[in-house]
Every structure is written in structure tokens, then in C-alpha cells.
């Protein structure tokens, strides 16, 4: 994906996150982008604490496309994938992850919130323990503030 496509897809993932929040779900969103860097094959908002946007999307992708094809695809997500989601992307054979904001930025927003106890385990570290290469791009400075803004006030209202 070129830089313009990356920014456009991250903003679309953020719109998916905003839609999830409007349904009372945690504000995370993810897209699966085809090898052409342009076509969005699927999008997913967060469902609950064990069905994150990224892991749900990766499982759906694995059910619908062959691994060789997914190895050429990109998962675009609003925040750095957690260890669970990164592992699911790995097993689904998706070849690239692009995220807008870091886990550290998320921790600053959520603190020790019971609904989102973040893991201090970068996705790059999870991938480094595996046997296949997955490219990781992120955080993307040009849109990080937009990703963070979607979460402003959300966690404090969930007390």
C-alpha cells in the first residue's frame, strides 16, 4: 500500500471503530485489504473483550480465502493488535499489519480499566517468536491523534 492508501484505510478503520462505539462496543476497527492495496475485502468492529475486531476479522478471512492469498493481504487496524489478535493474524497467514496508534497510547487512555487490561507485549515481539515473516507498519504518526480522539472519554464513561 502506498502512503495515501494507508492513511485512507486507517481513517476507514477508525470510522468502523466509531460505529462499534455507537453500538456500545469498544471503539476498535479493522479492515482486510487485498493485495492491490486498494480493495477492502472486509471490515470489522470490536464485538467484546474476547472477540476483538482484529481477531474476528482474521478468523473470517481464514474461513474465506486461502493462506497464500492472505499472505499478500494487509490487516489495517486502529490500534496495535494485542497478543491474542497478533497470534490470530499469524495463524490466518495475513502478511502485513498496519496500525494507527500504539498499545502505549491505548494504555494511556484506558489505564487499568477492567474492560481493557492491556498487555505490554508489542505485536512485533509476538511475531518475532514465530516462524514466518509478517510486516508491521505502525504507529502511523499522521493519524495517531485521530485514533486516540475516538477513545477520548469513552473509557471514563464505562466506569
C-alpha atoms as a PDB file:
ATOM      1  CA  UNK A   1       0.000   0.000   0.000  1.00  0.00           C
ATOM      2  CA  UNK A   2       1.205   3.490  -0.741  1.00  0.00           C
ATOM      3  CA  UNK A   3       1.088   6.220   1.956  1.00  0.00           C
ATOM      4  CA  UNK A   4      -2.184   7.707   0.668  1.00  0.00           C
ATOM      5  CA  UNK A   5      -3.890   4.297   0.711  1.00  0.00           C
ATOM      6  CA  UNK A   6      -2.540   3.641   4.194  1.00  0.00           C
ATOM      7  CA  UNK A   7      -3.990   6.864   5.578  1.00  0.00           C
ATOM      8  CA  UNK A   8      -7.323   6.356   3.813  1.00  0.00           C
ATOM      9  CA  UNK A   9      -7.652   2.801   5.124  1.00  0.00           C
ATOM     10  CA  UNK A  10      -6.702   3.800   8.666  1.00  0.00           C
ATOM     11  CA  UNK A  11      -9.368   6.503   8.595  1.00  0.00           C
ATOM     12  CA  UNK A  12     -11.932   3.997   7.341  1.00  0.00           C
ATOM     13  CA  UNK A  13     -10.937   1.597  10.149  1.00  0.00           C
ATOM     14  CA  UNK A  14     -11.462   4.480  12.576  1.00  0.00           C
ATOM     15  CA  UNK A  15     -14.952   5.039  11.157  1.00  0.00           C
ATOM     16  CA  UNK A  16     -15.633   1.334  11.824  1.00  0.00           C
ATOM     17  CA  UNK A  17     -14.387   1.871  15.397  1.00  0.00           C
ATOM     18  CA  UNK A  18     -16.726   4.833  15.815  1.00  0.00           C
ATOM     19  CA  UNK A  19     -19.616   2.699  14.575  1.00  0.00           C
ATOM     20  CA  UNK A  20     -18.712   0.000  17.108  1.00  0.00           C
ATOM     21  CA  UNK A  21     -18.735   2.617  19.877  1.00  0.00           C
ATOM     22  CA  UNK A  22     -22.160   3.845  18.746  1.00  0.00           C
ATOM     23  CA  UNK A  23     -23.413   0.286  19.345  1.00  0.00           C
ATOM     24  CA  UNK A  24     -21.994   0.261  22.869  1.00  0.00           C
ATOM     25  CA  UNK A  25     -18.899  -1.732  21.939  1.00  0.00           C
ATOM     26  CA  UNK A  26     -15.264  -0.836  22.471  1.00  0.00           C
ATOM     27  CA  UNK A  27     -14.097   1.613  19.768  1.00  0.00           C
ATOM     28  CA  UNK A  28     -11.737  -0.521  17.697  1.00  0.00           C
ATOM     29  CA  UNK A  29     -11.968  -1.181  13.969  1.00  0.00           C
ATOM     30  CA  UNK A  30     -10.090  -3.264  11.420  1.00  0.00           C
ATOM     31  CA  UNK A  31     -10.052  -3.822   7.659  1.00  0.00           C
ATOM     32  CA  UNK A  32      -8.681  -6.570   5.441  1.00  0.00           C
ATOM     33  CA  UNK A  33      -7.132  -5.021   2.335  1.00  0.00           C
ATOM     34  CA  UNK A  34      -6.462  -7.018  -0.828  1.00  0.00           C
ATOM     35  CA  UNK A  35      -3.006  -7.346  -2.401  1.00  0.00           C
ATOM     36  CA  UNK A  36      -3.753  -4.398  -4.725  1.00  0.00           C
ATOM     37  CA  UNK A  37      -3.650  -2.119  -1.652  1.00  0.00           C
ATOM     38  CA  UNK A  38      -6.949  -0.591  -2.690  1.00  0.00           C
ATOM     39  CA  UNK A  39      -9.769  -3.119  -2.359  1.00  0.00           C
ATOM     40  CA  UNK A  40     -11.271  -3.581   1.105  1.00  0.00           C
ATOM     41  CA  UNK A  41     -12.275  -7.229   1.381  1.00  0.00           C
ATOM     42  CA  UNK A  42     -13.867  -6.997   4.833  1.00  0.00           C
ATOM     43  CA  UNK A  43     -14.252  -4.738   7.829  1.00  0.00           C
ATOM     44  CA  UNK A  44     -14.935  -5.489  11.466  1.00  0.00           C
ATOM     45  CA  UNK A  45     -15.625  -3.534  14.622  1.00  0.00           C
ATOM     46  CA  UNK A  46     -14.977  -4.779  18.119  1.00  0.00           C
ATOM     47  CA  UNK A  47     -17.567  -7.206  19.462  1.00  0.00           C
ATOM     48  CA  UNK A  48     -16.497  -7.837  23.059  1.00  0.00           C
ATOM     49  CA  UNK A  49     -13.457  -8.491  25.227  1.00  0.00           C
ATOM     50  CA  UNK A  50     -12.617 -11.826  23.559  1.00  0.00           C
ATOM     51  CA  UNK A  51     -13.876 -11.092  20.053  1.00  0.00           C
ATOM     52  CA  UNK A  52     -11.695  -8.162  19.127  1.00  0.00           C
ATOM     53  CA  UNK A  53     -12.026  -6.546  15.711  1.00  0.00           C
ATOM     54  CA  UNK A  54      -8.675  -7.902  14.507  1.00  0.00           C
ATOM     55  CA  UNK A  55      -9.041 -11.495  15.688  1.00  0.00           C
ATOM     56  CA  UNK A  56     -12.627 -11.756  14.452  1.00  0.00           C
ATOM     57  CA  UNK A  57     -11.602 -10.368  11.071  1.00  0.00           C
ATOM     58  CA  UNK A  58      -8.594 -12.706  10.836  1.00  0.00           C
ATOM     59  CA  UNK A  59     -10.745 -15.764  11.604  1.00  0.00           C
ATOM     60  CA  UNK A  60     -13.298 -14.696   8.996  1.00  0.00           C
ATOM     61  CA  UNK A  61     -10.504 -14.155   6.474  1.00  0.00           C
ATOM     62  CA  UNK A  62      -9.064 -17.622   7.143  1.00  0.00           C
ATOM     63  CA  UNK A  63     -12.514 -19.119   6.536  1.00  0.00           C
ATOM     64  CA  UNK A  64     -12.934 -17.324   3.210  1.00  0.00           C
ATOM     65  CA  UNK A  65      -9.557 -17.014   1.471  1.00  0.00           C
ATOM     66  CA  UNK A  66      -6.588 -19.348   1.042  1.00  0.00           C
ATOM     67  CA  UNK A  67      -3.466 -18.707   3.091  1.00  0.00           C
ATOM     68  CA  UNK A  68      -1.336 -17.997   0.032  1.00  0.00           C
ATOM     69  CA  UNK A  69      -3.702 -15.151  -0.898  1.00  0.00           C
ATOM     70  CA  UNK A  70      -3.892 -13.802   2.666  1.00  0.00           C
ATOM     71  CA  UNK A  71      -0.097 -13.701   2.817  1.00  0.00           C
ATOM     72  CA  UNK A  72      -0.355 -10.864   0.271  1.00  0.00           C
ATOM     73  CA  UNK A  73      -3.096  -9.014   2.191  1.00  0.00           C
ATOM     74  CA  UNK A  74      -2.940  -6.341   4.881  1.00  0.00           C
ATOM     75  CA  UNK A  75      -4.837  -6.086   8.134  1.00  0.00           C
ATOM     76  CA  UNK A  76      -5.347  -2.387   8.881  1.00  0.00           C
ATOM     77  CA  UNK A  77      -6.367  -1.542  12.430  1.00  0.00           C
ATOM     78  CA  UNK A  78      -6.851   1.494  14.598  1.00  0.00           C
ATOM     79  CA  UNK A  79      -4.586   0.374  17.455  1.00  0.00           C
ATOM     80  CA  UNK A  80      -1.657  -2.010  17.754  1.00  0.00           C
ATOM     81  CA  UNK A  81      -3.052  -5.545  17.901  1.00  0.00           C
ATOM     82  CA  UNK A  82      -2.862  -7.288  21.263  1.00  0.00           C
ATOM     83  CA  UNK A  83      -1.103 -10.633  21.665  1.00  0.00           C
ATOM     84  CA  UNK A  84      -4.343 -12.575  21.014  1.00  0.00           C
ATOM     85  CA  UNK A  85      -5.086 -10.670  17.819  1.00  0.00           C
ATOM     86  CA  UNK A  86      -1.496 -10.808  16.608  1.00  0.00           C
ATOM     87  CA  UNK A  87      -1.481 -14.570  17.120  1.00  0.00           C
ATOM     88  CA  UNK A  88      -4.718 -14.918  15.169  1.00  0.00           C
ATOM     89  CA  UNK A  89      -3.310 -12.820  12.310  1.00  0.00           C
ATOM     90  CA  UNK A  90      -0.222 -15.056  12.362  1.00  0.00           C
ATOM     91  CA  UNK A  91      -2.262 -18.279  12.180  1.00  0.00           C
ATOM     92  CA  UNK A  92      -4.552 -16.827   9.483  1.00  0.00           C
ATOM     93  CA  UNK A  93      -1.403 -16.155   7.424  1.00  0.00           C
ATOM     94  CA  UNK A  94      -2.118 -12.456   6.829  1.00  0.00           C
ATOM     95  CA  UNK A  95       1.145 -10.970   5.574  1.00  0.00           C
ATOM     96  CA  UNK A  96       1.079  -7.396   6.850  1.00  0.00           C
ATOM     97  CA  UNK A  97      -0.296  -5.412   9.781  1.00  0.00           C
ATOM     98  CA  UNK A  98      -0.746  -1.643   9.678  1.00  0.00           C
ATOM     99  CA  UNK A  99      -1.908   0.146  12.819  1.00  0.00           C
ATOM    100  CA  UNK A 100      -2.595   3.763  13.641  1.00  0.00           C
ATOM    101  CA  UNK A 101      -1.804   4.092  17.349  1.00  0.00           C
ATOM    102  CA  UNK A 102       0.377   2.132  19.762  1.00  0.00           C
ATOM    103  CA  UNK A 103      -0.536  -0.030  22.719  1.00  0.00           C
ATOM    104  CA  UNK A 104       1.181   2.563  24.910  1.00  0.00           C
ATOM    105  CA  UNK A 105      -1.252   5.204  23.633  1.00  0.00           C
ATOM    106  CA  UNK A 106      -4.137   2.860  24.417  1.00  0.00           C
ATOM    107  CA  UNK A 107      -2.841   2.227  27.934  1.00  0.00           C
ATOM    108  CA  UNK A 108      -2.694   5.996  28.497  1.00  0.00           C
ATOM    109  CA  UNK A 109      -6.395   6.148  27.557  1.00  0.00           C
ATOM    110  CA  UNK A 110      -7.665   3.109  29.445  1.00  0.00           C
ATOM    111  CA  UNK A 111      -5.375   2.956  32.458  1.00  0.00           C
ATOM    112  CA  UNK A 112      -6.288  -0.116  34.469  1.00  0.00           C
ATOM    113  CA  UNK A 113      -9.865  -0.266  33.157  1.00  0.00           C
ATOM    114  CA  UNK A 114     -11.366  -3.687  33.920  1.00  0.00           C
ATOM    115  CA  UNK A 115     -12.831  -3.982  30.408  1.00  0.00           C
ATOM    116  CA  UNK A 116      -9.478  -3.451  28.696  1.00  0.00           C
ATOM    117  CA  UNK A 117      -6.490  -4.564  30.763  1.00  0.00           C
ATOM    118  CA  UNK A 118      -3.860  -4.034  28.086  1.00  0.00           C
ATOM    119  CA  UNK A 119      -0.893  -6.367  27.695  1.00  0.00           C
ATOM    120  CA  UNK A 120       2.506  -4.721  27.466  1.00  0.00           C
ATOM    121  CA  UNK A 121       3.549  -7.059  24.673  1.00  0.00           C
ATOM    122  CA  UNK A 122       4.211  -5.367  21.330  1.00  0.00           C
ATOM    123  CA  UNK A 123       2.880  -7.147  18.251  1.00  0.00           C
ATOM    124  CA  UNK A 124       6.377  -7.115  16.743  1.00  0.00           C
ATOM    125  CA  UNK A 125       7.620  -9.158  19.693  1.00  0.00           C
ATOM    126  CA  UNK A 126       4.842 -11.743  19.264  1.00  0.00           C
ATOM    127  CA  UNK A 127       5.654 -12.047  15.552  1.00  0.00           C
ATOM    128  CA  UNK A 128       9.393 -12.298  16.229  1.00  0.00           C
ATOM    129  CA  UNK A 129       8.718 -15.514  18.177  1.00  0.00           C
ATOM    130  CA  UNK A 130       7.059 -17.122  15.140  1.00  0.00           C
ATOM    131  CA  UNK A 131       8.421 -18.886  12.100  1.00  0.00           C
ATOM    132  CA  UNK A 132       7.091 -16.643   9.369  1.00  0.00           C
ATOM    133  CA  UNK A 133       7.636 -13.038   8.466  1.00  0.00           C
ATOM    134  CA  UNK A 134       4.784 -10.598   8.894  1.00  0.00           C
ATOM    135  CA  UNK A 135       5.498  -6.990   8.044  1.00  0.00           C
ATOM    136  CA  UNK A 136       4.361  -4.487  10.682  1.00  0.00           C
ATOM    137  CA  UNK A 137       3.854  -0.794  10.000  1.00  0.00           C
ATOM    138  CA  UNK A 138       2.837   1.488  12.833  1.00  0.00           C
ATOM    139  CA  UNK A 139       2.128   3.560  14.662  1.00  0.00           C
ATOM    140  CA  UNK A 140       1.342   5.991  11.851  1.00  0.00           C
ATOM    141  CA  UNK A 141       2.040   9.482  13.188  1.00  0.00           C
ATOM    142  CA  UNK A 142      -0.191  11.263  10.660  1.00  0.00           C
ATOM    143  CA  UNK A 143      -3.359   9.662  12.087  1.00  0.00           C
ATOM    144  CA  UNK A 144      -2.425   8.621  15.621  1.00  0.00           C
ATOM    145  CA  UNK A 145      -4.235  11.612  17.168  1.00  0.00           C
ATOM    146  CA  UNK A 146      -7.388  10.723  15.205  1.00  0.00           C
ATOM    147  CA  UNK A 147      -7.320   7.163  16.545  1.00  0.00           C
ATOM    148  CA  UNK A 148      -6.824   8.436  20.091  1.00  0.00           C
ATOM    149  CA  UNK A 149      -9.631  11.015  19.727  1.00  0.00           C
ATOM    150  CA  UNK A 150     -12.155   8.221  19.080  1.00  0.00           C
ATOM    151  CA  UNK A 151     -11.376   6.902  22.576  1.00  0.00           C
ATOM    152  CA  UNK A 152     -11.435  10.261  24.388  1.00  0.00           C
ATOM    153  CA  UNK A 153     -13.947   9.988  27.203  1.00  0.00           C
ATOM    154  CA  UNK A 154     -15.126   6.512  26.184  1.00  0.00           C
ATOM    155  CA  UNK A 155     -13.390   4.580  28.962  1.00  0.00           C
ATOM    156  CA  UNK A 156     -14.212   7.017  31.769  1.00  0.00           C
ATOM    157  CA  UNK A 157     -17.927   6.751  30.909  1.00  0.00           C
ATOM    158  CA  UNK A 158     -17.796   2.957  31.283  1.00  0.00           C
ATOM    159  CA  UNK A 159     -16.662   3.285  34.896  1.00  0.00           C
END
